[in-house]
């Protein structure tokens, strides 16, 4: 009964703050799958976490990730410097 009350209050606060519920549900569903597959991958890599970074595909994805998050910031900085 107490858990239902706490979750009800949590849901009410999320609705009041106009927070979308779908990302929360998606995270709850995919989070368990991600954790299970991560554990399996570490076990297959014999406990070595660096097995995730040995593939050239992963290197390309990491470079893309860095570019996606850094280029917009750099462009904003350049734009603000030229307008000032």
C-alpha atoms as a PDB file:
ATOM      1  CA  UNK A   1       0.000   0.000   0.000  1.00  0.00           C
ATOM      2  CA  UNK A   2       2.828   2.381   0.819  1.00  0.00           C
ATOM      3  CA  UNK A   3       4.661   1.699  -2.436  1.00  0.00           C
ATOM      4  CA  UNK A   4       1.515   2.397  -4.444  1.00  0.00           C
ATOM      5  CA  UNK A   5       1.042   5.680  -2.587  1.00  0.00           C
ATOM      6  CA  UNK A   6       4.620   6.797  -3.197  1.00  0.00           C
ATOM      7  CA  UNK A   7       4.429   5.868  -6.879  1.00  0.00           C
ATOM      8  CA  UNK A   8       1.078   7.647  -7.153  1.00  0.00           C
ATOM      9  CA  UNK A   9       2.560  10.835  -5.704  1.00  0.00           C
ATOM     10  CA  UNK A  10       5.567  10.466  -8.001  1.00  0.00           C
ATOM     11  CA  UNK A  11       3.260  10.089 -11.014  1.00  0.00           C
ATOM     12  CA  UNK A  12       1.203  13.090  -9.940  1.00  0.00           C
ATOM     13  CA  UNK A  13       4.334  15.245  -9.613  1.00  0.00           C
ATOM     14  CA  UNK A  14       5.541  14.133 -13.038  1.00  0.00           C
ATOM     15  CA  UNK A  15       2.158  14.973 -14.569  1.00  0.00           C
ATOM     16  CA  UNK A  16       2.053  18.316 -12.773  1.00  0.00           C
ATOM     17  CA  UNK A  17       5.527  19.182 -14.108  1.00  0.00           C
ATOM     18  CA  UNK A  18       4.340  18.188 -17.611  1.00  0.00           C
ATOM     19  CA  UNK A  19       7.022  15.496 -17.830  1.00  0.00           C
ATOM     20  CA  UNK A  20       6.462  12.967 -20.630  1.00  0.00           C
ATOM     21  CA  UNK A  21       5.858   9.475 -19.279  1.00  0.00           C
ATOM     22  CA  UNK A  22       7.016   7.553 -22.366  1.00  0.00           C
ATOM     23  CA  UNK A  23      10.791   8.127 -21.825  1.00  0.00           C
ATOM     24  CA  UNK A  24      10.424   6.966 -18.236  1.00  0.00           C
ATOM     25  CA  UNK A  25       8.613   3.773 -19.260  1.00  0.00           C
ATOM     26  CA  UNK A  26      11.101   3.177 -22.074  1.00  0.00           C
ATOM     27  CA  UNK A  27      13.997   3.588 -19.638  1.00  0.00           C
ATOM     28  CA  UNK A  28      12.457   1.172 -17.156  1.00  0.00           C
ATOM     29  CA  UNK A  29      11.943  -1.470 -19.840  1.00  0.00           C
ATOM     30  CA  UNK A  30      15.252  -1.075 -21.672  1.00  0.00           C
ATOM     31  CA  UNK A  31      17.301  -0.501 -18.518  1.00  0.00           C
ATOM     32  CA  UNK A  32      16.893  -4.089 -17.341  1.00  0.00           C
ATOM     33  CA  UNK A  33      17.778  -5.429 -20.788  1.00  0.00           C
ATOM     34  CA  UNK A  34      20.827  -3.171 -20.987  1.00  0.00           C
ATOM     35  CA  UNK A  35      22.076  -4.267 -17.587  1.00  0.00           C
ATOM     36  CA  UNK A  36      21.629  -7.957 -18.402  1.00  0.00           C
ATOM     37  CA  UNK A  37      23.471  -7.677 -21.721  1.00  0.00           C
ATOM     38  CA  UNK A  38      26.221  -5.544 -20.176  1.00  0.00           C
ATOM     39  CA  UNK A  39      26.871  -8.200 -17.551  1.00  0.00           C
ATOM     40  CA  UNK A  40      26.961 -10.877 -20.239  1.00  0.00           C
ATOM     41  CA  UNK A  41      29.418  -8.857 -22.325  1.00  0.00           C
ATOM     42  CA  UNK A  42      31.738  -8.313 -19.358  1.00  0.00           C
ATOM     43  CA  UNK A  43      31.551 -12.002 -18.544  1.00  0.00           C
ATOM     44  CA  UNK A  44      32.403 -12.916 -22.151  1.00  0.00           C
ATOM     45  CA  UNK A  45      35.286 -10.433 -22.017  1.00  0.00           C
ATOM     46  CA  UNK A  46      36.570 -12.223 -18.895  1.00  0.00           C
ATOM     47  CA  UNK A  47      36.013  -9.182 -16.705  1.00  0.00           C
ATOM     48  CA  UNK A  48      37.910  -6.809 -18.986  1.00  0.00           C
ATOM     49  CA  UNK A  49      35.909  -3.608 -19.482  1.00  0.00           C
ATOM     50  CA  UNK A  50      38.240  -2.419 -22.258  1.00  0.00           C
ATOM     51  CA  UNK A  51      36.829  -5.044 -24.629  1.00  0.00           C
ATOM     52  CA  UNK A  52      34.135  -2.460 -25.412  1.00  0.00           C
ATOM     53  CA  UNK A  53      36.742  -0.070 -26.836  1.00  0.00           C
ATOM     54  CA  UNK A  54      38.830  -2.450 -28.967  1.00  0.00           C
ATOM     55  CA  UNK A  55      36.623  -2.463 -32.065  1.00  0.00           C
ATOM     56  CA  UNK A  56      37.130   0.142 -34.827  1.00  0.00           C
ATOM     57  CA  UNK A  57      33.349   0.543 -35.001  1.00  0.00           C
ATOM     58  CA  UNK A  58      33.303   1.655 -31.376  1.00  0.00           C
ATOM     59  CA  UNK A  59      36.118   4.112 -32.050  1.00  0.00           C
ATOM     60  CA  UNK A  60      34.092   5.620 -34.902  1.00  0.00           C
ATOM     61  CA  UNK A  61      31.001   5.842 -32.705  1.00  0.00           C
ATOM     62  CA  UNK A  62      32.969   7.556 -29.948  1.00  0.00           C
ATOM     63  CA  UNK A  63      34.355  10.130 -32.404  1.00  0.00           C
ATOM     64  CA  UNK A  64      30.840  10.722 -33.744  1.00  0.00           C
ATOM     65  CA  UNK A  65      29.519  11.103 -30.177  1.00  0.00           C
ATOM     66  CA  UNK A  66      32.180  13.681 -29.347  1.00  0.00           C
ATOM     67  CA  UNK A  67      31.470  15.605 -32.551  1.00  0.00           C
ATOM     68  CA  UNK A  68      27.699  15.595 -32.024  1.00  0.00           C
ATOM     69  CA  UNK A  69      28.071  17.144 -28.581  1.00  0.00           C
ATOM     70  CA  UNK A  70      31.019  19.472 -29.178  1.00  0.00           C
ATOM     71  CA  UNK A  71      30.356  20.992 -32.622  1.00  0.00           C
ATOM     72  CA  UNK A  72      27.115  22.817 -31.651  1.00  0.00           C
ATOM     73  CA  UNK A  73      28.854  24.354 -28.633  1.00  0.00           C
ATOM     74  CA  UNK A  74      31.801  25.429 -30.763  1.00  0.00           C
ATOM     75  CA  UNK A  75      29.490  26.935 -33.393  1.00  0.00           C
ATOM     76  CA  UNK A  76      27.580  28.898 -30.711  1.00  0.00           C
ATOM     77  CA  UNK A  77      30.851  30.177 -29.292  1.00  0.00           C
ATOM     78  CA  UNK A  78      32.103  31.240 -32.723  1.00  0.00           C
ATOM     79  CA  UNK A  79      28.772  32.902 -33.503  1.00  0.00           C
ATOM     80  CA  UNK A  80      28.742  34.798 -30.195  1.00  0.00           C
ATOM     81  CA  UNK A  81      32.367  35.893 -30.680  1.00  0.00           C
ATOM     82  CA  UNK A  82      31.697  37.271 -34.166  1.00  0.00           C
ATOM     83  CA  UNK A  83      28.547  39.138 -33.106  1.00  0.00           C
ATOM     84  CA  UNK A  84      30.239  40.813 -30.128  1.00  0.00           C
END
